Amino acid sequence: MINCKKSAKLILGTLCAMALAMPTLTSCEHKDLCFDHDVHAPKFDFRVTATYQQEWELNENQKVWASETEWPEKYGMAYDDLRPKVPAGLRMHVFSETGVSDMINMPAQGEIVGLQPGNHQLLFYNNDTEYILFDDMYSFASAKATTRTRTRSTYMGNPFKANNAKGEPTVTMPDMLYGNYNEKYTSERTNETPEMKVTMHPMVFKYLVRYEFSKGLEYVGLVRGALSGMASAVYMHSGRTSSEAATLLYDCSLTPWGAQAIVTSFGVPDWPNALYQPTRGQRSYALNLEVRLKNGKIKNFDFDVTKQVEAQPQGGVIVVKGLEITDKEGWEGGSGFDVNVDGWGEFKDIIIPLK
């Protein structure tokens, strides 16, 4: 007959002995062969350190206002007041050689991020934009930034361009966009955390636009403008603008001397381009100002600003002068119309919502 109690004690003793032997059998005798513990795990991380080129205009042939004392006081602001701010956050868009893409969001100054092993193409851009649309993001080469459609029933096109710029889309101004790109980053095993320094360059620029009146400003109640012929998109991997043009629609502010606007833009189309020749007639750029008079009437002013924009392909100052409202225009049909911020009424712009 089998003694069950004795057999149970024997089995229990054997199991205990095996348990005590386990640490010895599984311990790491050679540290270089052990990758199963956190302290020895290979790192696929790297630290992104981002800085920002806070420039609102980049024109090599234009006067560098920031280095001179000639920035006019009449502009009502300092040159540095136009510099863009550091954004709220940063995004790294990853295109892997396996065909998989990923997006990693981080603080504006960067942080430690991790990637799968292998080769990657990296696009960096700020992730706090409101009006910018990112198109064709399925590939590194095709990725581009555009902006939202904005329509204005009273805008009739660029009168200085063939067919009045018919077919040129009207869009809202882009908000600030910074960008950087890395055509090849190899994620490898390392026991340290390498640093990737990323300089974020501006892809959106500013034009300080001034409409100076010589007569009749007292009759003006509301003002808004348009700048035609500007680039409709910018390619994220190169910073080059598309060849297609668009018209920017924007609101203006009344001043004691006229109207003023700070217009944001990707710059001129197809720039930079070694073959680009700013020859008059190759492209045209036009400035529009629409005013609503206090008597309720609407009047438009149009200006050919091709020379000014050609000299400033990426931001600058555009000035037009000599705008007039006659006494007849100002008083004709006067009915004490109450012009206020909502006074455009049925002529209010329509911004197409994001999809």
Protein backbone atom coordinates (compact mmCIF):
# COMPACT_ATOMS: atom_id res chain seq x y z
CA MET A 1 0.00 0.00 0.00
CA ILE A 2 1.29 3.47 -0.94
CA ASN A 3 1.93 5.93 1.91
CA CYS A 4 0.24 9.07 0.59
CA LYS A 5 1.55 11.40 3.31
CA LYS A 6 5.15 10.29 2.70
CA SER A 7 4.78 10.74 -1.11
CA ALA A 8 3.31 14.22 -0.71
CA LYS A 9 6.21 15.31 1.51
CA LEU A 10 8.69 13.96 -1.03
CA ILE A 11 7.09 15.85 -3.94
CA LEU A 12 6.88 19.06 -1.90
CA GLY A 13 10.53 18.79 -0.97
CA THR A 14 11.53 18.28 -4.60
CA LEU A 15 9.56 21.33 -5.75
CA CYS A 16 11.12 23.50 -3.06
CA ALA A 17 14.60 22.42 -4.08
CA MET A 18 13.85 23.25 -7.71
CA ALA A 19 12.51 26.68 -6.74
CA LEU A 20 15.66 27.47 -4.78
CA ALA A 21 17.81 26.46 -7.73
CA MET A 22 15.96 28.65 -10.24
CA PRO A 23 17.74 31.98 -9.49
CA THR A 24 21.11 30.28 -10.00
CA LEU A 25 20.07 28.72 -13.29
CA THR A 26 18.64 31.94 -14.70
CA SER A 27 21.05 34.57 -13.38
CA CYS A 28 23.09 36.71 -15.80
CA GLU A 29 26.68 35.54 -15.74
CA HIS A 30 27.64 37.90 -18.64
CA LYS A 31 26.14 41.39 -18.75
CA ASP A 32 26.76 41.78 -22.48
CA LEU A 33 24.40 38.86 -23.18
CA CYS A 34 21.55 40.16 -21.04
CA PHE A 35 18.97 42.51 -22.62
CA ASP A 36 15.92 41.49 -20.64
CA HIS A 37 16.25 43.99 -17.80
CA ASP A 38 15.45 47.71 -17.98
CA VAL A 39 18.90 48.71 -16.79
CA HIS A 40 20.51 47.01 -19.79
CA ALA A 41 17.78 47.55 -22.41
CA PRO A 42 18.92 49.11 -25.73
CA LYS A 43 17.56 52.61 -26.35
CA PHE A 44 15.82 53.68 -29.54
CA ASP A 45 15.14 57.12 -28.10
CA PHE A 46 16.60 60.48 -29.01
CA ARG A 47 16.10 63.97 -27.67
CA VAL A 48 14.58 66.61 -29.94
CA THR A 49 15.82 70.11 -29.09
CA ALA A 50 13.92 72.72 -31.10
CA THR A 51 14.71 76.40 -31.59
CA TYR A 52 12.71 78.86 -33.69
CA GLN A 53 13.74 81.38 -36.32
CA GLN A 54 11.32 84.13 -35.40
CA GLU A 55 11.42 86.17 -38.62
CA TRP A 56 8.43 87.75 -40.32
CA GLU A 57 10.16 88.67 -43.59
CA LEU A 58 13.13 87.05 -45.34
CA ASN A 59 14.24 89.02 -48.37
CA GLU A 60 17.92 89.07 -49.24
CA ASN A 61 17.61 92.02 -51.60
CA GLN A 62 15.40 94.07 -49.31
CA LYS A 63 16.59 96.56 -46.73
CA VAL A 64 17.17 94.78 -43.43
CA TRP A 65 14.98 97.02 -41.32
CA ALA A 66 15.89 95.26 -38.08
CA SER A 67 19.55 96.29 -38.33
CA GLU A 68 18.84 99.95 -39.07
CA THR A 69 17.31 102.91 -37.33
CA GLU A 70 15.17 103.75 -40.35
CA TRP A 71 12.11 101.66 -39.50
CA PRO A 72 9.49 104.41 -39.76
CA GLU A 73 7.75 105.49 -36.58
CA LYS A 74 4.67 106.23 -38.68
CA TYR A 75 4.08 102.50 -38.98
CA GLY A 76 2.86 102.64 -35.40
CA MET A 77 4.77 99.58 -34.23
CA ALA A 78 8.33 98.37 -33.75
CA TYR A 79 9.89 95.95 -36.22
CA ASP A 80 10.16 93.34 -33.49
CA ASP A 81 6.44 93.60 -32.75
CA LEU A 82 5.82 91.72 -36.00
CA ARG A 83 7.98 88.75 -35.09
CA PRO A 84 6.01 85.50 -34.69
CA LYS A 85 5.80 83.89 -31.28
CA VAL A 86 7.11 80.48 -30.30
CA PRO A 87 4.21 78.06 -30.88
CA ALA A 88 2.30 76.11 -28.25
CA GLY A 89 3.52 72.71 -29.43
CA LEU A 90 5.60 70.73 -31.91
CA ARG A 91 4.72 67.73 -34.08
CA MET A 92 7.08 65.18 -35.64
CA HIS A 93 5.56 63.38 -38.61
CA VAL A 94 7.41 60.13 -39.22
CA PHE A 95 7.60 58.37 -42.60
CA SER A 96 9.24 54.95 -42.14
CA GLU A 97 10.89 52.84 -44.84
CA THR A 98 8.35 50.15 -44.03
CA GLY A 99 5.63 52.44 -45.36
CA VAL A 100 4.18 53.15 -41.92
CA SER A 101 3.71 56.76 -40.86
CA ASP A 102 3.21 58.14 -37.38
CA MET A 103 2.76 61.50 -35.65
CA ILE A 104 4.34 62.38 -32.32
CA ASN A 105 3.31 65.55 -30.48
CA MET A 106 5.61 67.19 -27.96
CA PRO A 107 6.26 70.52 -26.23
CA ALA A 108 7.46 73.36 -28.46
CA GLN A 109 11.06 73.01 -27.26
CA GLY A 110 11.04 69.23 -27.85
CA GLU A 111 11.49 66.20 -25.62
CA ILE A 112 12.75 62.61 -25.66
CA VAL A 113 10.94 60.54 -28.29
CA GLY A 114 11.32 56.97 -29.48
CA LEU A 115 11.24 55.35 -32.91
CA GLN A 116 11.26 51.80 -34.21
CA PRO A 117 14.63 50.67 -35.62
CA GLY A 118 15.36 51.49 -39.25
CA ASN A 119 15.42 54.49 -41.57
CA HIS A 120 12.90 57.30 -41.32
CA GLN A 121 12.07 60.63 -42.96
CA LEU A 122 11.00 63.27 -40.46
CA LEU A 123 8.88 66.39 -40.87
CA PHE A 124 8.64 68.85 -38.00
CA TYR A 125 5.97 71.56 -37.76
CA ASN A 126 4.00 73.34 -35.06
CA ASN A 127 0.75 71.66 -34.08
CA ASP A 128 -1.25 74.70 -32.95
CA THR A 129 -2.51 76.01 -36.31
CA GLU A 130 -6.19 76.85 -36.83
CA TYR A 131 -6.62 77.77 -40.50
CA ILE A 132 -3.92 75.64 -42.12
CA LEU A 133 -4.83 72.37 -43.84
CA PHE A 134 -2.26 69.63 -44.34
CA ASP A 135 -2.72 67.81 -47.65
CA ASP A 136 -1.14 64.75 -49.28
CA MET A 137 0.51 63.72 -46.02
CA TYR A 138 0.81 60.11 -47.19
CA SER A 139 4.34 60.78 -48.45
CA PHE A 140 7.32 62.89 -47.44
CA ALA A 141 7.68 64.47 -50.91
CA SER A 142 4.05 65.40 -51.47
CA ALA A 143 3.14 66.71 -48.00
CA LYS A 144 2.07 70.35 -48.16
CA ALA A 145 0.28 73.02 -46.18
CA THR A 146 -2.62 74.98 -47.64
CA THR A 147 -5.34 77.09 -46.06
CA ARG A 148 -9.12 77.27 -45.84
CA THR A 149 -11.40 78.65 -48.54
CA ARG A 150 -12.97 82.05 -47.86
CA THR A 151 -15.52 83.63 -50.18
CA ARG A 152 -16.60 87.25 -50.63
CA SER A 153 -19.45 87.99 -52.99
CA THR A 154 -18.31 91.55 -53.67
CA TYR A 155 -14.71 90.69 -54.66
CA MET A 156 -14.49 90.71 -58.46
CA GLY A 157 -10.90 89.53 -58.99
CA ASN A 158 -7.56 91.05 -59.93
CA PRO A 159 -8.23 93.68 -62.65
CA PHE A 160 -4.53 93.77 -63.57
CA LYS A 161 -4.41 90.10 -64.56
CA ALA A 162 -5.84 88.46 -67.65
CA ASN A 163 -9.46 87.44 -67.10
CA ASN A 164 -9.43 89.28 -63.77
CA ALA A 165 -7.82 86.29 -62.04
CA LYS A 166 -10.92 84.21 -62.69
CA GLY A 167 -10.37 80.73 -61.38
CA GLU A 168 -7.92 81.90 -58.73
CA PRO A 169 -9.33 80.65 -55.42
CA THR A 170 -9.99 83.05 -52.57
CA VAL A 171 -8.72 81.85 -49.21
CA THR A 172 -8.26 82.92 -45.63
CA MET A 173 -4.82 83.91 -44.40
CA PRO A 174 -2.69 81.10 -42.97
CA ASP A 175 -1.70 81.31 -39.34
CA MET A 176 1.92 80.94 -38.31
CA LEU A 177 3.67 77.82 -39.56
CA TYR A 178 7.22 76.73 -38.74
CA GLY A 179 8.87 73.74 -40.40
CA ASN A 180 11.95 71.56 -40.59
CA TYR A 181 12.71 68.29 -42.34
CA ASN A 182 15.21 65.45 -42.04
CA GLU A 183 15.49 63.31 -45.17
CA LYS A 184 17.07 60.37 -43.38
CA TYR A 185 17.27 59.46 -39.74
CA THR A 186 18.41 55.97 -38.74
CA SER A 187 17.11 54.67 -35.45
CA GLU A 188 19.75 52.37 -33.96
CA ARG A 189 20.57 50.58 -30.70
CA THR A 190 22.51 52.81 -28.32
CA ASN A 191 23.16 53.01 -24.60
CA GLU A 192 22.93 56.80 -24.71
CA THR A 193 20.23 59.25 -25.77
CA PRO A 194 21.48 61.21 -28.80
CA GLU A 195 20.32 64.77 -29.38
CA MET A 196 18.77 66.04 -32.58
CA LYS A 197 18.93 69.83 -32.82
CA VAL A 198 16.10 71.14 -34.96
CA THR A 199 15.90 74.74 -36.19
CA MET A 200 12.31 75.57 -37.05
CA HIS A 201 12.16 77.93 -40.03
CA PRO A 202 9.20 80.19 -40.87
CA MET A 203 6.97 79.02 -43.73
CA VAL A 204 4.47 81.85 -43.29
CA PHE A 205 5.44 85.52 -43.59
CA LYS A 206 3.83 88.89 -42.94
CA TYR A 207 3.08 91.87 -45.13
CA LEU A 208 2.34 95.15 -43.43
CA VAL A 209 -0.19 96.65 -45.86
CA ARG A 210 -0.97 100.39 -45.71
CA TYR A 211 -3.75 102.12 -47.65
CA GLU A 212 -3.15 105.88 -47.30
CA PHE A 213 -6.08 108.23 -47.98
CA SER A 214 -5.67 111.75 -49.31
CA LYS A 215 -9.35 112.71 -49.04
CA GLY A 216 -12.68 111.60 -47.67
CA LEU A 217 -11.62 109.21 -44.93
CA GLU A 218 -14.26 110.73 -42.68
CA TYR A 219 -16.93 109.08 -44.82
CA VAL A 220 -15.52 105.56 -44.34
CA GLY A 221 -17.11 103.20 -41.82
CA LEU A 222 -15.66 99.75 -42.53
CA VAL A 223 -12.66 98.47 -44.51
CA ARG A 224 -11.42 95.08 -45.74
CA GLY A 225 -8.92 93.97 -48.34
CA ALA A 226 -7.55 91.34 -50.70
CA LEU A 227 -4.09 90.48 -52.03
CA SER A 228 -4.06 88.37 -55.19
CA GLY A 229 -1.40 86.24 -56.84
CA MET A 230 0.12 84.76 -53.67
CA ALA A 231 1.16 81.12 -53.25
CA SER A 232 -1.69 78.79 -52.39
CA ALA A 233 0.49 76.18 -50.62
CA VAL A 234 3.98 75.33 -49.34
CA TYR A 235 5.72 71.96 -49.54
CA MET A 236 6.71 70.78 -46.09
CA HIS A 237 9.88 68.88 -47.07
CA SER A 238 11.55 71.77 -48.88
CA GLY A 239 9.85 75.03 -47.93
CA ARG A 240 9.22 75.73 -51.60
CA THR A 241 5.86 77.25 -52.49
CA SER A 242 3.50 75.77 -55.05
CA SER A 243 3.17 77.28 -58.51
CA GLU A 244 -0.57 77.75 -58.02
CA ALA A 245 -1.75 81.18 -56.86
CA ALA A 246 -4.57 82.23 -54.55
CA THR A 247 -6.15 85.48 -53.37
CA LEU A 248 -5.97 86.24 -49.66
CA LEU A 249 -9.06 87.87 -48.14
CA TYR A 250 -8.70 89.75 -44.87
CA ASP A 251 -10.12 92.45 -42.63
CA CYS A 252 -8.49 95.85 -42.11
CA SER A 253 -8.36 98.42 -39.34
CA LEU A 254 -9.23 102.08 -39.77
CA THR A 255 -6.47 104.52 -38.81
CA PRO A 256 -6.24 108.32 -38.76
CA TRP A 257 -4.52 108.22 -42.16
CA GLY A 258 -6.41 105.35 -43.86
CA ALA A 259 -6.54 101.59 -43.44
CA GLN A 260 -3.99 99.01 -42.38
CA ALA A 261 -3.69 95.22 -42.26
CA ILE A 262 -1.10 92.65 -41.29
CA VAL A 263 -1.42 89.99 -43.97
CA THR A 264 0.06 86.54 -43.48
CA SER A 265 1.09 84.53 -46.54
CA PHE A 266 3.21 81.61 -47.75
CA GLY A 267 4.89 84.18 -50.03
CA VAL A 268 4.99 84.31 -53.83
CA PRO A 269 4.36 81.17 -55.92
CA ASP A 270 7.15 78.83 -57.01
CA TRP A 271 9.72 80.21 -54.58
CA PRO A 272 12.61 79.69 -54.07
CA ASN A 273 13.45 78.79 -57.64
CA ALA A 274 16.83 79.32 -59.26
CA LEU A 275 15.07 80.00 -62.57
CA TYR A 276 12.72 82.58 -61.10
CA GLN A 277 13.04 85.92 -62.84
CA PRO A 278 10.95 88.76 -61.38
CA THR A 279 10.07 90.01 -64.86
CA ARG A 280 7.07 92.29 -65.04
CA GLY A 281 4.23 90.47 -66.74
CA GLN A 282 5.30 86.97 -65.73
CA ARG A 283 3.05 87.18 -62.70
CA SER A 284 0.89 89.97 -61.40
CA TYR A 285 -0.03 90.92 -57.86
CA ALA A 286 -2.91 93.21 -57.00
CA LEU A 287 -4.15 94.88 -53.86
CA ASN A 288 -7.83 95.56 -53.25
CA LEU A 289 -9.54 97.70 -50.63
CA GLU A 290 -13.27 97.54 -50.16
CA VAL A 291 -14.81 100.30 -48.08
CA ARG A 292 -18.31 100.62 -46.74
CA LEU A 293 -19.25 104.24 -46.39
CA LYS A 294 -21.26 105.57 -43.51
CA ASN A 295 -24.16 106.12 -45.91
CA GLY A 296 -24.25 102.37 -46.59
CA LYS A 297 -22.64 102.43 -50.04
CA ILE A 298 -19.67 100.21 -50.98
CA LYS A 299 -16.69 101.32 -53.03
CA ASN A 300 -13.65 99.34 -54.24
CA PHE A 301 -10.08 100.48 -54.87
CA ASP A 302 -7.64 98.30 -56.86
CA PHE A 303 -3.87 98.69 -57.20
CA ASP A 304 -1.16 96.91 -59.17
CA VAL A 305 1.52 96.10 -56.57
CA THR A 306 3.57 93.73 -58.74
CA LYS A 307 6.82 95.65 -58.33
CA GLN A 308 6.47 95.82 -54.56
CA VAL A 309 5.72 92.11 -54.15
CA GLU A 310 8.41 91.00 -56.60
CA ALA A 311 10.95 92.87 -54.46
CA GLN A 312 9.57 91.21 -51.31
CA PRO A 313 8.75 87.56 -52.12
CA GLN A 314 8.62 86.52 -48.46
CA GLY A 315 7.02 89.29 -46.42
CA GLY A 316 7.61 93.03 -46.26
CA VAL A 317 5.78 96.35 -46.44
CA ILE A 318 3.27 97.26 -49.17
CA VAL A 319 2.07 100.86 -49.39
CA VAL A 320 -0.53 102.42 -51.71
CA LYS A 321 -1.39 106.11 -51.58
CA GLY A 322 -3.81 108.67 -52.87
CA LEU A 323 -7.14 107.01 -52.05
CA GLU A 324 -10.07 109.44 -52.25
CA ILE A 325 -13.74 109.53 -51.35
CA THR A 326 -15.44 112.56 -52.86
CA ASP A 327 -17.96 114.64 -50.96
CA LYS A 328 -20.61 113.55 -53.44
CA GLU A 329 -19.87 109.88 -52.78
CA GLY A 330 -19.81 110.47 -49.06
CA TRP A 331 -23.13 112.34 -48.89
CA GLU A 332 -25.04 110.81 -51.78
CA GLY A 333 -28.01 108.84 -50.56
CA GLY A 334 -26.99 109.50 -46.99
CA SER A 335 -29.40 108.09 -44.46
CA GLY A 336 -27.38 108.00 -41.28
CA PHE A 337 -26.59 104.34 -41.86
CA ASP A 338 -25.22 102.80 -38.66
CA VAL A 339 -21.98 101.13 -39.68
CA ASN A 340 -20.55 98.78 -37.07
CA VAL A 341 -18.53 95.59 -36.92
CA ASP A 342 -21.51 93.66 -38.29
CA GLY A 343 -22.32 96.30 -40.86
CA TRP A 344 -21.28 94.21 -43.87
CA GLY A 345 -24.64 92.44 -43.48
CA GLU A 346 -25.36 90.18 -46.44
CA PHE A 347 -21.86 90.88 -47.74
CA LYS A 348 -20.22 89.06 -44.84
CA ASP A 349 -17.38 86.71 -45.81
CA ILE A 350 -17.95 82.96 -45.63
CA ILE A 351 -15.13 80.74 -44.36
CA ILE A 352 -15.54 77.13 -45.47
CA PRO A 353 -15.37 74.85 -42.38
CA LEU A 354 -12.65 72.25 -41.99
CA LYS A 355 -13.59 68.79 -43.20
